[in-house]
Amino acid sequence: MARTVGVSAEELAAAGREDAAQQLRMLEHEGGLRKRIAAIPGLGVAGVHPLTGTDGKEMLPLIAEGLDAIEHANLPNAAKRDFTSMFVDNLIHDAVRRHAKLLLMLRIATGDVQSG
């Protein structure tokens, strides 16, 4: 509701609604994470769709922490770009590998496996 009427988190806190202010801050932080991650080539879909691990933890903060670690590392910019590229490539590779594994498990579970 605060977003709809244009009230900031600071205004909510000043009005004695620190609980609502904290929720608004969390929503704004998550929106910022989604925009940041969506701007990285290859991770655009991660910024649009909620990504939750099997433990129920949101994946976007984990990805953002990895990107922050790279950004704040004492490395030349070229090395930071290389690490970012490697990190993104690994995320994509893992997702593709897990997708292929899922499809294979489904084929086995449904008996749609041709004998070799």
N, C-alpha and C. Protein backbone atom coordinates (compact mmCIF):
# COMPACT_ATOMS: atom_id res chain seq x y z
N MET A 1 0.82 -1.19 0.00
CA MET A 1 0.00 0.00 0.00
C MET A 1 0.87 1.25 0.00
N ALA A 2 1.98 1.18 0.71
CA ALA A 2 2.87 2.35 0.77
C ALA A 2 3.35 2.74 -0.61
N ARG A 3 3.69 1.75 -1.41
CA ARG A 3 4.14 2.05 -2.78
C ARG A 3 3.04 2.73 -3.58
N THR A 4 1.82 2.27 -3.41
CA THR A 4 0.69 2.81 -4.17
C THR A 4 0.48 4.28 -3.88
N VAL A 5 0.61 4.66 -2.61
CA VAL A 5 0.39 6.06 -2.25
C VAL A 5 1.67 6.87 -2.22
N GLY A 6 2.80 6.23 -2.51
CA GLY A 6 4.06 6.94 -2.60
C GLY A 6 4.71 7.30 -1.27
N VAL A 7 4.48 6.47 -0.25
CA VAL A 7 5.07 6.72 1.06
C VAL A 7 6.40 5.98 1.14
N SER A 8 7.41 6.64 1.68
CA SER A 8 8.74 6.03 1.80
C SER A 8 8.84 5.25 3.11
N ALA A 9 9.87 4.41 3.19
CA ALA A 9 10.13 3.65 4.41
C ALA A 9 10.41 4.60 5.58
N GLU A 10 11.12 5.69 5.31
CA GLU A 10 11.42 6.65 6.36
C GLU A 10 10.15 7.31 6.89
N GLU A 11 9.22 7.60 6.00
CA GLU A 11 7.95 8.20 6.43
C GLU A 11 7.14 7.22 7.27
N LEU A 12 7.17 5.94 6.89
CA LEU A 12 6.47 4.93 7.68
C LEU A 12 7.08 4.83 9.07
N ALA A 13 8.40 4.81 9.13
CA ALA A 13 9.08 4.72 10.43
C ALA A 13 8.76 5.93 11.29
N ALA A 14 8.76 7.12 10.68
CA ALA A 14 8.46 8.34 11.42
C ALA A 14 7.03 8.33 11.95
N ALA A 15 6.14 7.61 11.27
CA ALA A 15 4.74 7.52 11.70
C ALA A 15 4.53 6.39 12.70
N GLY A 16 5.64 5.79 13.16
CA GLY A 16 5.53 4.73 14.16
C GLY A 16 5.27 3.34 13.58
N ARG A 17 5.46 3.18 12.29
CA ARG A 17 5.23 1.89 11.65
C ARG A 17 6.56 1.30 11.16
N GLU A 18 7.46 1.07 12.11
CA GLU A 18 8.77 0.51 11.78
C GLU A 18 8.63 -0.87 11.15
N ASP A 19 7.61 -1.63 11.55
CA ASP A 19 7.39 -2.95 10.96
C ASP A 19 7.11 -2.84 9.47
N ALA A 20 6.23 -1.92 9.11
CA ALA A 20 5.90 -1.70 7.69
C ALA A 20 7.09 -1.10 6.96
N ALA A 21 7.82 -0.22 7.63
CA ALA A 21 9.01 0.39 7.02
C ALA A 21 10.04 -0.69 6.69
N GLN A 22 10.23 -1.63 7.61
CA GLN A 22 11.19 -2.71 7.38
C GLN A 22 10.76 -3.58 6.21
N GLN A 23 9.47 -3.88 6.11
CA GLN A 23 8.97 -4.68 4.98
C GLN A 23 9.18 -3.94 3.67
N LEU A 24 8.93 -2.64 3.66
CA LEU A 24 9.12 -1.85 2.44
C LEU A 24 10.60 -1.82 2.06
N ARG A 25 11.48 -1.67 3.04
CA ARG A 25 12.92 -1.69 2.76
C ARG A 25 13.33 -3.03 2.15
N MET A 26 12.80 -4.12 2.68
CA MET A 26 13.13 -5.44 2.15
C MET A 26 12.64 -5.58 0.71
N LEU A 27 11.44 -5.10 0.42
CA LEU A 27 10.91 -5.16 -0.94
C LEU A 27 11.76 -4.32 -1.90
N GLU A 28 12.17 -3.15 -1.44
CA GLU A 28 13.01 -2.28 -2.28
C GLU A 28 14.37 -2.92 -2.52
N HIS A 29 14.92 -3.54 -1.48
CA HIS A 29 16.22 -4.21 -1.61
C HIS A 29 16.11 -5.37 -2.61
N GLU A 30 15.05 -6.17 -2.48
CA GLU A 30 14.86 -7.29 -3.40
C GLU A 30 14.68 -6.79 -4.83
N GLY A 31 13.94 -5.70 -5.00
CA GLY A 31 13.76 -5.13 -6.34
C GLY A 31 15.09 -4.68 -6.92
N GLY A 32 15.92 -4.08 -6.08
CA GLY A 32 17.25 -3.67 -6.53
C GLY A 32 18.11 -4.87 -6.93
N LEU A 33 18.03 -5.95 -6.14
CA LEU A 33 18.77 -7.16 -6.48
C LEU A 33 18.31 -7.72 -7.82
N ARG A 34 16.99 -7.77 -8.00
CA ARG A 34 16.45 -8.32 -9.25
C ARG A 34 16.92 -7.49 -10.45
N LYS A 35 16.89 -6.16 -10.33
CA LYS A 35 17.34 -5.30 -11.43
C LYS A 35 18.83 -5.50 -11.71
N ARG A 36 19.61 -5.59 -10.64
CA ARG A 36 21.06 -5.76 -10.80
C ARG A 36 21.38 -7.08 -11.48
N ILE A 37 20.73 -8.14 -11.04
CA ILE A 37 21.00 -9.46 -11.60
C ILE A 37 20.45 -9.57 -13.01
N ALA A 38 19.28 -8.97 -13.26
CA ALA A 38 18.69 -9.02 -14.60
C ALA A 38 19.55 -8.29 -15.62
N ALA A 39 20.37 -7.35 -15.17
CA ALA A 39 21.22 -6.58 -16.08
C ALA A 39 22.46 -7.36 -16.53
N ILE A 40 22.74 -8.48 -15.89
CA ILE A 40 23.92 -9.27 -16.24
C ILE A 40 23.56 -10.26 -17.33
N PRO A 41 24.25 -10.21 -18.46
CA PRO A 41 23.94 -11.14 -19.56
C PRO A 41 23.98 -12.58 -19.07
N GLY A 42 22.92 -13.30 -19.39
CA GLY A 42 22.82 -14.70 -19.00
C GLY A 42 22.05 -14.92 -17.73
N LEU A 43 21.83 -13.88 -16.94
CA LEU A 43 21.08 -14.02 -15.69
C LEU A 43 19.76 -13.27 -15.71
N GLY A 44 19.37 -12.76 -16.85
CA GLY A 44 18.15 -11.98 -16.95
C GLY A 44 16.94 -12.67 -16.37
N VAL A 45 16.78 -13.96 -16.63
CA VAL A 45 15.62 -14.70 -16.13
C VAL A 45 15.62 -14.77 -14.62
N ALA A 46 16.79 -14.79 -14.00
CA ALA A 46 16.88 -14.86 -12.54
C ALA A 46 16.35 -13.59 -11.90
N GLY A 47 16.42 -12.49 -12.61
CA GLY A 47 15.92 -11.24 -12.07
C GLY A 47 14.42 -11.09 -12.19
N VAL A 48 13.79 -11.94 -13.00
CA VAL A 48 12.36 -11.85 -13.26
C VAL A 48 11.57 -12.86 -12.43
N HIS A 49 12.08 -14.08 -12.34
CA HIS A 49 11.36 -15.15 -11.66
C HIS A 49 11.93 -15.39 -10.27
N PRO A 50 11.06 -15.68 -9.29
CA PRO A 50 11.58 -16.01 -7.96
C PRO A 50 12.37 -17.31 -8.03
N LEU A 51 13.52 -17.33 -7.41
CA LEU A 51 14.37 -18.52 -7.37
C LEU A 51 14.54 -18.91 -5.92
N THR A 52 14.01 -20.07 -5.57
CA THR A 52 14.10 -20.53 -4.19
C THR A 52 14.77 -21.88 -4.17
N GLY A 53 15.70 -22.05 -3.26
CA GLY A 53 16.39 -23.32 -3.09
C GLY A 53 15.51 -24.34 -2.40
N THR A 54 15.99 -25.57 -2.33
CA THR A 54 15.22 -26.64 -1.70
C THR A 54 15.03 -26.38 -0.21
N ASP A 55 15.88 -25.56 0.38
CA ASP A 55 15.76 -25.23 1.79
C ASP A 55 14.82 -24.05 2.02
N GLY A 56 14.21 -23.54 0.95
CA GLY A 56 13.28 -22.41 1.05
C GLY A 56 13.95 -21.06 1.05
N LYS A 57 15.27 -21.02 0.99
CA LYS A 57 15.98 -19.74 0.98
C LYS A 57 15.94 -19.13 -0.42
N GLU A 58 15.78 -17.85 -0.45
CA GLU A 58 15.78 -17.11 -1.72
C GLU A 58 17.17 -17.13 -2.31
N MET A 59 17.26 -17.41 -3.59
CA MET A 59 18.55 -17.56 -4.25
C MET A 59 19.15 -16.22 -4.69
N LEU A 60 18.32 -15.22 -4.95
CA LEU A 60 18.85 -13.95 -5.43
C LEU A 60 19.87 -13.33 -4.47
N PRO A 61 19.62 -13.33 -3.16
CA PRO A 61 20.65 -12.78 -2.27
C PRO A 61 21.97 -13.55 -2.34
N LEU A 62 21.90 -14.85 -2.56
CA LEU A 62 23.13 -15.63 -2.68
C LEU A 62 23.90 -15.25 -3.94
N ILE A 63 23.18 -15.07 -5.03
CA ILE A 63 23.82 -14.64 -6.28
C ILE A 63 24.42 -13.25 -6.09
N ALA A 64 23.65 -12.37 -5.45
CA ALA A 64 24.13 -11.00 -5.22
C ALA A 64 25.37 -11.00 -4.33
N GLU A 65 25.40 -11.88 -3.32
CA GLU A 65 26.58 -11.96 -2.45
C GLU A 65 27.81 -12.37 -3.25
N GLY A 66 27.63 -13.32 -4.17
CA GLY A 66 28.74 -13.72 -5.02
C GLY A 66 29.23 -12.58 -5.88
N LEU A 67 28.29 -11.85 -6.46
CA LEU A 67 28.66 -10.70 -7.30
C LEU A 67 29.33 -9.61 -6.47
N ASP A 68 28.82 -9.39 -5.25
CA ASP A 68 29.44 -8.40 -4.37
C ASP A 68 30.86 -8.80 -3.99
N ALA A 69 31.06 -10.09 -3.71
CA ALA A 69 32.40 -10.57 -3.35
C ALA A 69 33.38 -10.30 -4.48
N ILE A 70 32.93 -10.52 -5.70
CA ILE A 70 33.79 -10.26 -6.86
C ILE A 70 34.05 -8.75 -6.98
N GLU A 71 32.99 -7.97 -6.87
CA GLU A 71 33.10 -6.52 -7.02
C GLU A 71 34.05 -5.90 -5.99
N HIS A 72 34.01 -6.41 -4.76
CA HIS A 72 34.82 -5.83 -3.68
C HIS A 72 36.19 -6.48 -3.53
N ALA A 73 36.47 -7.48 -4.36
CA ALA A 73 37.78 -8.14 -4.30
C ALA A 73 38.87 -7.17 -4.77
N ASN A 74 40.03 -7.31 -4.22
CA ASN A 74 41.16 -6.47 -4.60
C ASN A 74 41.80 -7.03 -5.87
N LEU A 75 41.08 -6.86 -6.97
CA LEU A 75 41.50 -7.38 -8.27
C LEU A 75 41.38 -6.29 -9.32
N PRO A 76 42.15 -6.41 -10.39
CA PRO A 76 41.96 -5.48 -11.52
C PRO A 76 40.57 -5.68 -12.14
N ASN A 77 40.07 -4.65 -12.77
CA ASN A 77 38.73 -4.73 -13.37
C ASN A 77 38.60 -5.87 -14.37
N ALA A 78 39.65 -6.13 -15.14
CA ALA A 78 39.59 -7.22 -16.12
C ALA A 78 39.40 -8.57 -15.42
N ALA A 79 40.08 -8.76 -14.29
CA ALA A 79 39.93 -10.00 -13.53
C ALA A 79 38.53 -10.10 -12.94
N LYS A 80 37.99 -8.97 -12.48
CA LYS A 80 36.62 -8.97 -11.95
C LYS A 80 35.63 -9.37 -13.02
N ARG A 81 35.83 -8.85 -14.25
CA ARG A 81 34.94 -9.23 -15.36
C ARG A 81 35.06 -10.71 -15.64
N ASP A 82 36.28 -11.24 -15.61
CA ASP A 82 36.49 -12.67 -15.86
C ASP A 82 35.81 -13.51 -14.78
N PHE A 83 35.95 -13.12 -13.53
CA PHE A 83 35.31 -13.86 -12.44
C PHE A 83 33.79 -13.79 -12.54
N THR A 84 33.27 -12.62 -12.89
CA THR A 84 31.83 -12.48 -13.05
C THR A 84 31.34 -13.39 -14.17
N SER A 85 32.05 -13.39 -15.28
CA SER A 85 31.68 -14.25 -16.40
C SER A 85 31.72 -15.72 -16.00
N MET A 86 32.77 -16.11 -15.28
CA MET A 86 32.90 -17.49 -14.84
C MET A 86 31.77 -17.87 -13.88
N PHE A 87 31.44 -16.97 -12.96
CA PHE A 87 30.37 -17.20 -12.00
C PHE A 87 29.03 -17.39 -12.72
N VAL A 88 28.73 -16.50 -13.66
CA VAL A 88 27.49 -16.59 -14.42
C VAL A 88 27.47 -17.87 -15.26
N ASP A 89 28.57 -18.16 -15.93
CA ASP A 89 28.65 -19.39 -16.73
C ASP A 89 28.41 -20.63 -15.88
N ASN A 90 28.97 -20.64 -14.66
CA ASN A 90 28.77 -21.79 -13.77
C ASN A 90 27.32 -21.92 -13.33
N LEU A 91 26.67 -20.79 -13.05
CA LEU A 91 25.26 -20.83 -12.68
C LEU A 91 24.42 -21.40 -13.82
N ILE A 92 24.69 -20.93 -15.03
CA ILE A 92 23.94 -21.40 -16.19
C ILE A 92 24.23 -22.88 -16.45
N HIS A 93 25.51 -23.25 -16.39
CA HIS A 93 25.90 -24.65 -16.62
C HIS A 93 25.21 -25.58 -15.61
N ASP A 94 25.19 -25.16 -14.35
CA ASP A 94 24.56 -25.99 -13.33
C ASP A 94 23.07 -26.14 -13.59
N ALA A 95 22.41 -25.04 -13.98
CA ALA A 95 20.97 -25.11 -14.27
C ALA A 95 20.70 -26.03 -15.46
N VAL A 96 21.51 -25.92 -16.51
CA VAL A 96 21.33 -26.77 -17.69
C VAL A 96 21.56 -28.24 -17.33
N ARG A 97 22.61 -28.50 -16.55
CA ARG A 97 22.92 -29.87 -16.15
C ARG A 97 21.79 -30.45 -15.30
N ARG A 98 21.29 -29.68 -14.38
CA ARG A 98 20.20 -30.17 -13.52
C ARG A 98 18.92 -30.39 -14.33
N HIS A 99 18.68 -29.54 -15.32
CA HIS A 99 17.51 -29.72 -16.18
C HIS A 99 17.62 -31.02 -16.96
N ALA A 100 18.79 -31.28 -17.54
CA ALA A 100 19.00 -32.52 -18.30
C ALA A 100 18.84 -33.73 -17.39
N LYS A 101 19.35 -33.64 -16.17
CA LYS A 101 19.22 -34.74 -15.21
C LYS A 101 17.76 -34.98 -14.86
N LEU A 102 17.01 -33.91 -14.68
CA LEU A 102 15.58 -34.04 -14.39
C LEU A 102 14.86 -34.74 -15.53
N LEU A 103 15.14 -34.32 -16.76
CA LEU A 103 14.48 -34.95 -17.91
C LEU A 103 14.81 -36.44 -17.99
N LEU A 104 16.06 -36.80 -17.72
CA LEU A 104 16.45 -38.21 -17.72
C LEU A 104 15.71 -38.96 -16.63
N MET A 105 15.63 -38.40 -15.43
CA MET A 105 14.92 -39.07 -14.34
C MET A 105 13.44 -39.25 -14.68
N LEU A 106 12.85 -38.27 -15.34
CA LEU A 106 11.45 -38.39 -15.76
C LEU A 106 11.28 -39.50 -16.79
N ARG A 107 12.22 -39.58 -17.73
CA ARG A 107 12.16 -40.64 -18.73
C ARG A 107 12.26 -42.01 -18.07
N ILE A 108 13.15 -42.14 -17.11
CA ILE A 108 13.31 -43.41 -16.40
C ILE A 108 12.06 -43.72 -15.59
N ALA A 109 11.51 -42.74 -14.89
CA ALA A 109 10.33 -42.94 -14.05
C ALA A 109 9.10 -43.32 -14.87
N THR A 110 9.02 -42.81 -16.08
CA THR A 110 7.86 -43.11 -16.92
C THR A 110 8.11 -44.31 -17.83
N GLY A 111 9.29 -44.91 -17.74
CA GLY A 111 9.61 -46.07 -18.58
C GLY A 111 9.86 -45.70 -20.02
N ASP A 112 10.15 -44.44 -20.30
CA ASP A 112 10.39 -43.98 -21.66
C ASP A 112 11.88 -44.01 -21.99
N VAL A 113 12.56 -45.07 -21.59
CA VAL A 113 13.99 -45.20 -21.84
C VAL A 113 14.19 -46.36 -22.81
N GLN A 114 14.85 -46.06 -23.90
CA GLN A 114 15.13 -47.12 -24.86
C GLN A 114 16.38 -47.86 -24.43
N SER A 115 16.33 -49.16 -24.53
CA SER A 115 17.50 -49.95 -24.12
C SER A 115 18.62 -49.74 -25.13
N GLY A 116 19.87 -49.70 -24.62
CA GLY A 116 20.99 -49.38 -25.48
C GLY A 116 21.79 -50.52 -25.82
